[in-house]
Amino acid sequence: MIEPGSTSESGFTFIGETVLHEGYVISVAQGEFETPEGDRITRDIVHHPGAVAVVAIDGDEVILVRQYRAALHIDLLEIPAGKRDVAGEAPELTAARVMSVPPSISPVLGQLDIAAALDVAMISAIASILFVN
């Protein structure tokens, strides 16, 4: 959560926000900011707990899972991923938890060797992508 009155490196000051919607996973707010020139601007903000996605490599193959996606109402093949919904949990522990859920990929859990990590800003959420082999 951004603290009211805090200023970014580029000089934008967060004034405050009004929550418009509280959902199961996300909330939507309108944030008010002051630009470095002193103008007031309003921006839509989506709050999400963050997520991890794991690029799990088994030999020459990348492990994919079939996941139902309600927004599209179809099953998709995708890399294993999950929300960072456990307070204080490090991305690596979330990744281990994600990898232990589908029984077909749980043997990879013992070999969780993080080759690289990448944090990606998505609106106001952070998604950690972990590359493991």
N, C-alpha and C. Protein backbone atom coordinates (compact mmCIF):
# COMPACT_ATOMS: atom_id res chain seq x y z
N MET A 1 0.84 -1.17 0.00
CA MET A 1 0.00 0.00 0.00
C MET A 1 0.89 1.24 0.00
N ILE A 2 0.53 2.21 -0.79
CA ILE A 2 1.29 3.45 -0.89
C ILE A 2 0.87 4.37 0.26
N GLU A 3 1.84 4.97 0.90
CA GLU A 3 1.56 5.90 2.01
C GLU A 3 1.20 7.27 1.46
N PRO A 4 0.07 7.84 1.88
CA PRO A 4 -0.27 9.21 1.47
C PRO A 4 0.87 10.17 1.84
N GLY A 5 1.18 11.06 0.90
CA GLY A 5 2.26 12.02 1.11
C GLY A 5 3.60 11.54 0.60
N SER A 6 3.71 10.26 0.23
CA SER A 6 5.00 9.76 -0.27
C SER A 6 5.21 10.25 -1.71
N THR A 7 6.47 10.51 -2.03
CA THR A 7 6.82 11.04 -3.35
C THR A 7 7.75 10.05 -4.06
N SER A 8 7.46 9.82 -5.34
CA SER A 8 8.27 8.91 -6.15
C SER A 8 9.58 9.57 -6.55
N GLU A 9 10.49 8.77 -7.10
CA GLU A 9 11.78 9.31 -7.57
C GLU A 9 11.58 10.40 -8.61
N SER A 10 10.52 10.26 -9.44
CA SER A 10 10.29 11.23 -10.51
C SER A 10 9.46 12.43 -10.06
N GLY A 11 9.11 12.48 -8.76
CA GLY A 11 8.46 13.67 -8.22
C GLY A 11 6.95 13.66 -8.12
N PHE A 12 6.31 12.51 -8.34
CA PHE A 12 4.86 12.41 -8.18
C PHE A 12 4.54 12.10 -6.72
N THR A 13 3.59 12.84 -6.15
CA THR A 13 3.21 12.65 -4.75
C THR A 13 1.84 12.00 -4.69
N PHE A 14 1.75 10.93 -3.90
CA PHE A 14 0.47 10.23 -3.71
C PHE A 14 -0.33 10.98 -2.67
N ILE A 15 -1.56 11.41 -3.06
CA ILE A 15 -2.42 12.15 -2.15
C ILE A 15 -3.31 11.18 -1.37
N GLY A 16 -3.93 10.26 -2.07
CA GLY A 16 -4.82 9.29 -1.43
C GLY A 16 -5.61 8.54 -2.47
N GLU A 17 -6.49 7.65 -2.00
CA GLU A 17 -7.29 6.88 -2.95
C GLU A 17 -8.65 6.57 -2.35
N THR A 18 -9.60 6.31 -3.24
CA THR A 18 -10.95 5.91 -2.88
C THR A 18 -11.19 4.53 -3.46
N VAL A 19 -11.53 3.55 -2.63
CA VAL A 19 -11.79 2.20 -3.10
C VAL A 19 -13.16 2.17 -3.77
N LEU A 20 -13.18 1.68 -5.01
CA LEU A 20 -14.41 1.60 -5.79
C LEU A 20 -15.03 0.21 -5.76
N HIS A 21 -14.17 -0.82 -5.61
CA HIS A 21 -14.65 -2.21 -5.65
C HIS A 21 -13.70 -3.08 -4.83
N GLU A 22 -14.27 -3.94 -4.00
CA GLU A 22 -13.51 -4.96 -3.25
C GLU A 22 -13.95 -6.31 -3.77
N GLY A 23 -13.06 -7.02 -4.44
CA GLY A 23 -13.38 -8.34 -4.98
C GLY A 23 -12.71 -9.44 -4.19
N TYR A 24 -12.89 -10.66 -4.67
CA TYR A 24 -12.30 -11.84 -4.04
C TYR A 24 -10.77 -11.79 -4.10
N VAL A 25 -10.22 -11.36 -5.23
CA VAL A 25 -8.77 -11.33 -5.41
C VAL A 25 -8.25 -9.90 -5.52
N ILE A 26 -8.98 -9.04 -6.20
CA ILE A 26 -8.49 -7.68 -6.45
C ILE A 26 -9.40 -6.64 -5.81
N SER A 27 -8.86 -5.44 -5.70
CA SER A 27 -9.68 -4.27 -5.40
C SER A 27 -9.33 -3.20 -6.44
N VAL A 28 -10.29 -2.34 -6.70
CA VAL A 28 -10.09 -1.26 -7.67
C VAL A 28 -10.29 0.06 -6.93
N ALA A 29 -9.38 0.98 -7.16
CA ALA A 29 -9.45 2.28 -6.49
C ALA A 29 -9.17 3.39 -7.49
N GLN A 30 -9.54 4.60 -7.11
CA GLN A 30 -9.13 5.79 -7.84
C GLN A 30 -8.11 6.49 -6.97
N GLY A 31 -6.91 6.66 -7.51
CA GLY A 31 -5.85 7.32 -6.78
C GLY A 31 -5.68 8.75 -7.24
N GLU A 32 -5.37 9.61 -6.28
CA GLU A 32 -5.12 11.01 -6.61
C GLU A 32 -3.64 11.30 -6.36
N PHE A 33 -3.03 11.97 -7.34
CA PHE A 33 -1.60 12.26 -7.29
C PHE A 33 -1.36 13.72 -7.63
N GLU A 34 -0.23 14.23 -7.18
CA GLU A 34 0.21 15.56 -7.58
C GLU A 34 1.47 15.38 -8.43
N THR A 35 1.46 16.00 -9.62
CA THR A 35 2.61 15.90 -10.52
C THR A 35 3.75 16.77 -10.02
N PRO A 36 4.94 16.60 -10.56
CA PRO A 36 6.06 17.46 -10.16
C PRO A 36 5.79 18.95 -10.43
N GLU A 37 4.88 19.22 -11.39
CA GLU A 37 4.54 20.60 -11.71
C GLU A 37 3.43 21.15 -10.81
N GLY A 38 2.87 20.31 -9.92
CA GLY A 38 1.84 20.75 -9.00
C GLY A 38 0.42 20.49 -9.45
N ASP A 39 0.23 19.86 -10.61
CA ASP A 39 -1.12 19.52 -11.08
C ASP A 39 -1.64 18.30 -10.35
N ARG A 40 -2.96 18.22 -10.17
CA ARG A 40 -3.60 17.05 -9.57
C ARG A 40 -4.10 16.15 -10.68
N ILE A 41 -3.81 14.86 -10.58
CA ILE A 41 -4.29 13.89 -11.55
C ILE A 41 -4.92 12.71 -10.83
N THR A 42 -5.84 12.03 -11.51
CA THR A 42 -6.51 10.85 -10.96
C THR A 42 -6.18 9.67 -11.85
N ARG A 43 -5.88 8.53 -11.25
CA ARG A 43 -5.57 7.32 -11.99
C ARG A 43 -6.32 6.15 -11.37
N ASP A 44 -6.75 5.21 -12.25
CA ASP A 44 -7.35 3.97 -11.77
C ASP A 44 -6.24 3.03 -11.31
N ILE A 45 -6.45 2.39 -10.17
CA ILE A 45 -5.44 1.50 -9.59
C ILE A 45 -6.09 0.15 -9.30
N VAL A 46 -5.45 -0.92 -9.73
CA VAL A 46 -5.91 -2.27 -9.41
C VAL A 46 -4.92 -2.84 -8.40
N HIS A 47 -5.42 -3.20 -7.22
CA HIS A 47 -4.58 -3.82 -6.19
C HIS A 47 -4.74 -5.33 -6.27
N HIS A 48 -3.64 -6.02 -6.27
CA HIS A 48 -3.60 -7.48 -6.37
C HIS A 48 -2.48 -7.94 -5.43
N PRO A 49 -2.61 -9.09 -4.79
CA PRO A 49 -1.56 -9.51 -3.84
C PRO A 49 -0.24 -9.86 -4.50
N GLY A 50 -0.21 -9.95 -5.82
CA GLY A 50 1.00 -10.37 -6.53
C GLY A 50 0.92 -11.84 -6.86
N ALA A 51 1.86 -12.30 -7.65
CA ALA A 51 1.83 -13.70 -8.09
C ALA A 51 3.23 -14.17 -8.42
N VAL A 52 3.38 -15.46 -8.49
CA VAL A 52 4.61 -16.05 -9.02
C VAL A 52 4.22 -16.93 -10.19
N ALA A 53 5.13 -17.03 -11.13
CA ALA A 53 4.99 -17.97 -12.23
C ALA A 53 6.31 -18.71 -12.32
N VAL A 54 6.25 -20.01 -12.51
CA VAL A 54 7.45 -20.83 -12.50
C VAL A 54 7.68 -21.42 -13.89
N VAL A 55 8.84 -21.16 -14.46
CA VAL A 55 9.23 -21.81 -15.71
C VAL A 55 10.03 -23.03 -15.28
N ALA A 56 9.34 -24.18 -15.18
CA ALA A 56 9.95 -25.41 -14.68
C ALA A 56 10.45 -26.23 -15.87
N ILE A 57 11.74 -26.53 -15.87
CA ILE A 57 12.36 -27.25 -16.97
C ILE A 57 12.75 -28.64 -16.48
N ASP A 58 12.29 -29.65 -17.21
CA ASP A 58 12.61 -31.05 -16.90
C ASP A 58 13.31 -31.61 -18.12
N GLY A 59 14.63 -31.64 -18.08
CA GLY A 59 15.40 -32.08 -19.24
C GLY A 59 15.26 -31.05 -20.35
N ASP A 60 14.69 -31.48 -21.48
CA ASP A 60 14.47 -30.59 -22.62
C ASP A 60 13.04 -30.07 -22.68
N GLU A 61 12.25 -30.33 -21.64
CA GLU A 61 10.85 -29.97 -21.68
C GLU A 61 10.50 -28.93 -20.62
N VAL A 62 9.58 -28.06 -20.97
CA VAL A 62 9.03 -27.09 -20.02
C VAL A 62 7.72 -27.67 -19.50
N ILE A 63 7.54 -27.69 -18.20
CA ILE A 63 6.34 -28.25 -17.60
C ILE A 63 5.20 -27.24 -17.69
N LEU A 64 4.07 -27.69 -18.24
CA LEU A 64 2.87 -26.87 -18.33
C LEU A 64 1.75 -27.54 -17.56
N VAL A 65 0.80 -26.75 -17.10
CA VAL A 65 -0.38 -27.29 -16.42
C VAL A 65 -1.62 -26.79 -17.16
N ARG A 66 -2.67 -27.61 -17.12
CA ARG A 66 -3.95 -27.20 -17.72
C ARG A 66 -4.74 -26.51 -16.61
N GLN A 67 -5.17 -25.28 -16.88
CA GLN A 67 -5.83 -24.47 -15.87
C GLN A 67 -7.09 -23.84 -16.46
N TYR A 68 -8.21 -23.99 -15.74
CA TYR A 68 -9.44 -23.33 -16.17
C TYR A 68 -9.34 -21.84 -15.86
N ARG A 69 -9.67 -21.00 -16.84
CA ARG A 69 -9.66 -19.55 -16.66
C ARG A 69 -11.07 -19.02 -16.87
N ALA A 70 -11.68 -18.58 -15.77
CA ALA A 70 -13.08 -18.15 -15.79
C ALA A 70 -13.32 -16.96 -16.73
N ALA A 71 -12.38 -16.03 -16.81
CA ALA A 71 -12.57 -14.85 -17.65
C ALA A 71 -12.76 -15.22 -19.12
N LEU A 72 -12.14 -16.32 -19.53
CA LEU A 72 -12.26 -16.78 -20.91
C LEU A 72 -13.20 -17.98 -21.04
N HIS A 73 -13.52 -18.61 -19.91
CA HIS A 73 -14.35 -19.81 -19.85
C HIS A 73 -13.78 -20.95 -20.68
N ILE A 74 -12.46 -21.10 -20.60
CA ILE A 74 -11.77 -22.19 -21.29
C ILE A 74 -10.60 -22.67 -20.43
N ASP A 75 -10.10 -23.85 -20.75
CA ASP A 75 -8.88 -24.35 -20.14
C ASP A 75 -7.70 -23.87 -20.97
N LEU A 76 -6.63 -23.48 -20.30
CA LEU A 76 -5.42 -23.04 -20.98
C LEU A 76 -4.24 -23.89 -20.53
N LEU A 77 -3.28 -24.09 -21.40
CA LEU A 77 -2.00 -24.67 -21.00
C LEU A 77 -1.09 -23.51 -20.64
N GLU A 78 -0.51 -23.56 -19.45
CA GLU A 78 0.32 -22.44 -19.00
C GLU A 78 1.38 -22.95 -18.04
N ILE A 79 2.35 -22.09 -17.76
CA ILE A 79 3.35 -22.44 -16.77
C ILE A 79 2.67 -22.39 -15.40
N PRO A 80 3.14 -23.20 -14.43
CA PRO A 80 2.54 -23.17 -13.09
C PRO A 80 2.65 -21.77 -12.48
N ALA A 81 1.56 -21.32 -11.85
CA ALA A 81 1.55 -19.98 -11.27
C ALA A 81 0.59 -19.95 -10.09
N GLY A 82 0.77 -18.98 -9.23
CA GLY A 82 -0.13 -18.84 -8.10
C GLY A 82 -0.02 -17.47 -7.45
N LYS A 83 -1.05 -17.10 -6.70
CA LYS A 83 -1.08 -15.81 -6.02
C LYS A 83 -0.13 -15.80 -4.83
N ARG A 84 0.39 -14.63 -4.53
CA ARG A 84 1.20 -14.41 -3.33
C ARG A 84 0.26 -13.98 -2.22
N ASP A 85 -0.59 -14.91 -1.78
CA ASP A 85 -1.64 -14.58 -0.82
C ASP A 85 -1.33 -15.02 0.61
N VAL A 86 -0.09 -15.40 0.88
CA VAL A 86 0.33 -15.72 2.24
C VAL A 86 1.23 -14.57 2.70
N ALA A 87 0.78 -13.84 3.70
CA ALA A 87 1.50 -12.66 4.18
C ALA A 87 2.94 -12.98 4.54
N GLY A 88 3.86 -12.18 4.01
CA GLY A 88 5.27 -12.31 4.34
C GLY A 88 6.00 -13.45 3.66
N GLU A 89 5.31 -14.21 2.84
CA GLU A 89 5.94 -15.36 2.18
C GLU A 89 6.85 -14.88 1.04
N ALA A 90 8.09 -15.36 1.03
CA ALA A 90 9.04 -15.03 -0.04
C ALA A 90 8.58 -15.64 -1.35
N PRO A 91 8.89 -15.00 -2.49
CA PRO A 91 8.48 -15.55 -3.78
C PRO A 91 8.95 -16.99 -4.00
N GLU A 92 10.14 -17.32 -3.50
CA GLU A 92 10.66 -18.68 -3.66
C GLU A 92 9.79 -19.70 -2.93
N LEU A 93 9.27 -19.33 -1.76
CA LEU A 93 8.40 -20.24 -1.02
C LEU A 93 7.04 -20.37 -1.69
N THR A 94 6.55 -19.26 -2.25
CA THR A 94 5.30 -19.32 -3.01
C THR A 94 5.49 -20.24 -4.20
N ALA A 95 6.62 -20.13 -4.88
CA ALA A 95 6.90 -20.99 -6.04
C ALA A 95 6.94 -22.45 -5.62
N ALA A 96 7.56 -22.75 -4.49
CA ALA A 96 7.61 -24.13 -4.01
C ALA A 96 6.20 -24.63 -3.71
N ARG A 97 5.37 -23.78 -3.13
CA ARG A 97 3.98 -24.15 -2.84
C ARG A 97 3.21 -24.41 -4.14
N VAL A 98 3.41 -23.53 -5.12
CA VAL A 98 2.75 -23.69 -6.42
C VAL A 98 3.16 -25.00 -7.07
N MET A 99 4.44 -25.32 -6.99
CA MET A 99 4.95 -26.53 -7.63
C MET A 99 4.51 -27.80 -6.91
N SER A 100 4.11 -27.70 -5.67
CA SER A 100 3.74 -28.90 -4.91
C SER A 100 2.26 -29.26 -5.06
N VAL A 101 1.46 -28.39 -5.68
CA VAL A 101 0.02 -28.63 -5.77
C VAL A 101 -0.33 -29.73 -6.77
N PRO A 102 0.01 -29.58 -8.08
CA PRO A 102 -0.35 -30.67 -9.00
C PRO A 102 0.55 -31.89 -8.76
N PRO A 103 -0.02 -33.05 -8.45
CA PRO A 103 0.81 -34.24 -8.16
C PRO A 103 1.76 -34.58 -9.30
N SER A 104 1.37 -34.27 -10.53
CA SER A 104 2.21 -34.63 -11.67
C SER A 104 3.52 -33.86 -11.71
N ILE A 105 3.61 -32.71 -11.02
CA ILE A 105 4.86 -31.95 -11.06
C ILE A 105 5.54 -31.86 -9.70
N SER A 106 4.99 -32.51 -8.68
CA SER A 106 5.59 -32.40 -7.35
C SER A 106 7.02 -32.93 -7.27
N PRO A 107 7.46 -33.92 -8.09
CA PRO A 107 8.87 -34.32 -7.99
C PRO A 107 9.84 -33.17 -8.30
N VAL A 108 9.41 -32.19 -9.08
CA VAL A 108 10.28 -31.06 -9.41
C VAL A 108 10.58 -30.23 -8.17
N LEU A 109 9.66 -30.26 -7.19
CA LEU A 109 9.83 -29.46 -5.97
C LEU A 109 11.17 -29.73 -5.31
N GLY A 110 11.60 -30.98 -5.26
CA GLY A 110 12.87 -31.31 -4.63
C GLY A 110 14.05 -30.75 -5.38
N GLN A 111 13.87 -30.41 -6.64
CA GLN A 111 14.96 -29.91 -7.47
C GLN A 111 14.86 -28.40 -7.71
N LEU A 112 14.07 -27.70 -6.90
CA LEU A 112 13.84 -26.28 -7.13
C LEU A 112 15.16 -25.52 -7.03
N ASP A 113 15.70 -25.23 -8.18
CA ASP A 113 16.98 -24.53 -8.29
C ASP A 113 16.70 -23.26 -9.08
N ILE A 114 16.68 -22.15 -8.39
CA ILE A 114 16.31 -20.91 -9.06
C ILE A 114 17.49 -20.41 -9.87
N ALA A 115 17.32 -20.50 -11.20
CA ALA A 115 18.37 -20.07 -12.11
C ALA A 115 18.33 -18.56 -12.32
N ALA A 116 17.14 -17.98 -12.26
CA ALA A 116 16.99 -16.53 -12.43
C ALA A 116 15.64 -16.12 -11.88
N ALA A 117 15.52 -14.89 -11.47
CA ALA A 117 14.24 -14.37 -10.99
C ALA A 117 14.02 -13.01 -11.61
N LEU A 118 12.76 -12.72 -11.90
CA LEU A 118 12.41 -11.47 -12.55
C LEU A 118 11.13 -10.95 -11.94
N ASP A 119 11.16 -9.73 -11.42
CA ASP A 119 9.94 -9.09 -10.92
C ASP A 119 9.38 -8.21 -12.02
N VAL A 120 8.11 -8.38 -12.27
CA VAL A 120 7.44 -7.63 -13.33
C VAL A 120 6.32 -6.81 -12.70
N ALA A 121 6.34 -5.50 -12.90
CA ALA A 121 5.27 -4.65 -12.38
C ALA A 121 4.06 -4.77 -13.31
N MET A 122 2.92 -5.09 -12.74
CA MET A 122 1.68 -5.22 -13.50
C MET A 122 0.65 -4.37 -12.79
N ILE A 123 0.39 -3.18 -13.31
CA ILE A 123 -0.48 -2.19 -12.71
C ILE A 123 0.11 -1.90 -11.32
N SER A 124 -0.55 -2.34 -10.23
CA SER A 124 0.07 -2.10 -8.92
C SER A 124 0.51 -3.41 -8.29
N ALA A 125 0.47 -4.49 -9.07
CA ALA A 125 0.84 -5.80 -8.53
C ALA A 125 2.24 -6.16 -8.99
N ILE A 126 2.86 -7.04 -8.27
CA ILE A 126 4.17 -7.55 -8.65
C ILE A 126 4.02 -9.04 -8.93
N ALA A 127 4.48 -9.45 -10.07
CA ALA A 127 4.51 -10.87 -10.42
C ALA A 127 5.96 -11.28 -10.44
N SER A 128 6.31 -12.31 -9.71
CA SER A 128 7.67 -12.82 -9.73
C SER A 128 7.71 -14.04 -10.63
N ILE A 129 8.56 -13.99 -11.63
CA ILE A 129 8.73 -15.11 -12.54
C ILE A 129 10.03 -15.79 -12.18
N LEU A 130 9.96 -17.05 -11.80
CA LEU A 130 11.15 -17.78 -11.39
C LEU A 130 11.48 -18.82 -12.44
N PHE A 131 12.72 -18.84 -12.88
CA PHE A 131 13.18 -19.81 -13.85
C PHE A 131 13.91 -20.91 -13.08
N VAL A 132 13.41 -22.14 -13.14
CA VAL A 132 14.01 -23.23 -12.39
C VAL A 132 14.40 -24.35 -13.33
N ASN A 133 15.41 -25.10 -12.93
CA ASN A 133 15.77 -26.30 -13.68
C ASN A 133 16.24 -27.38 -12.73
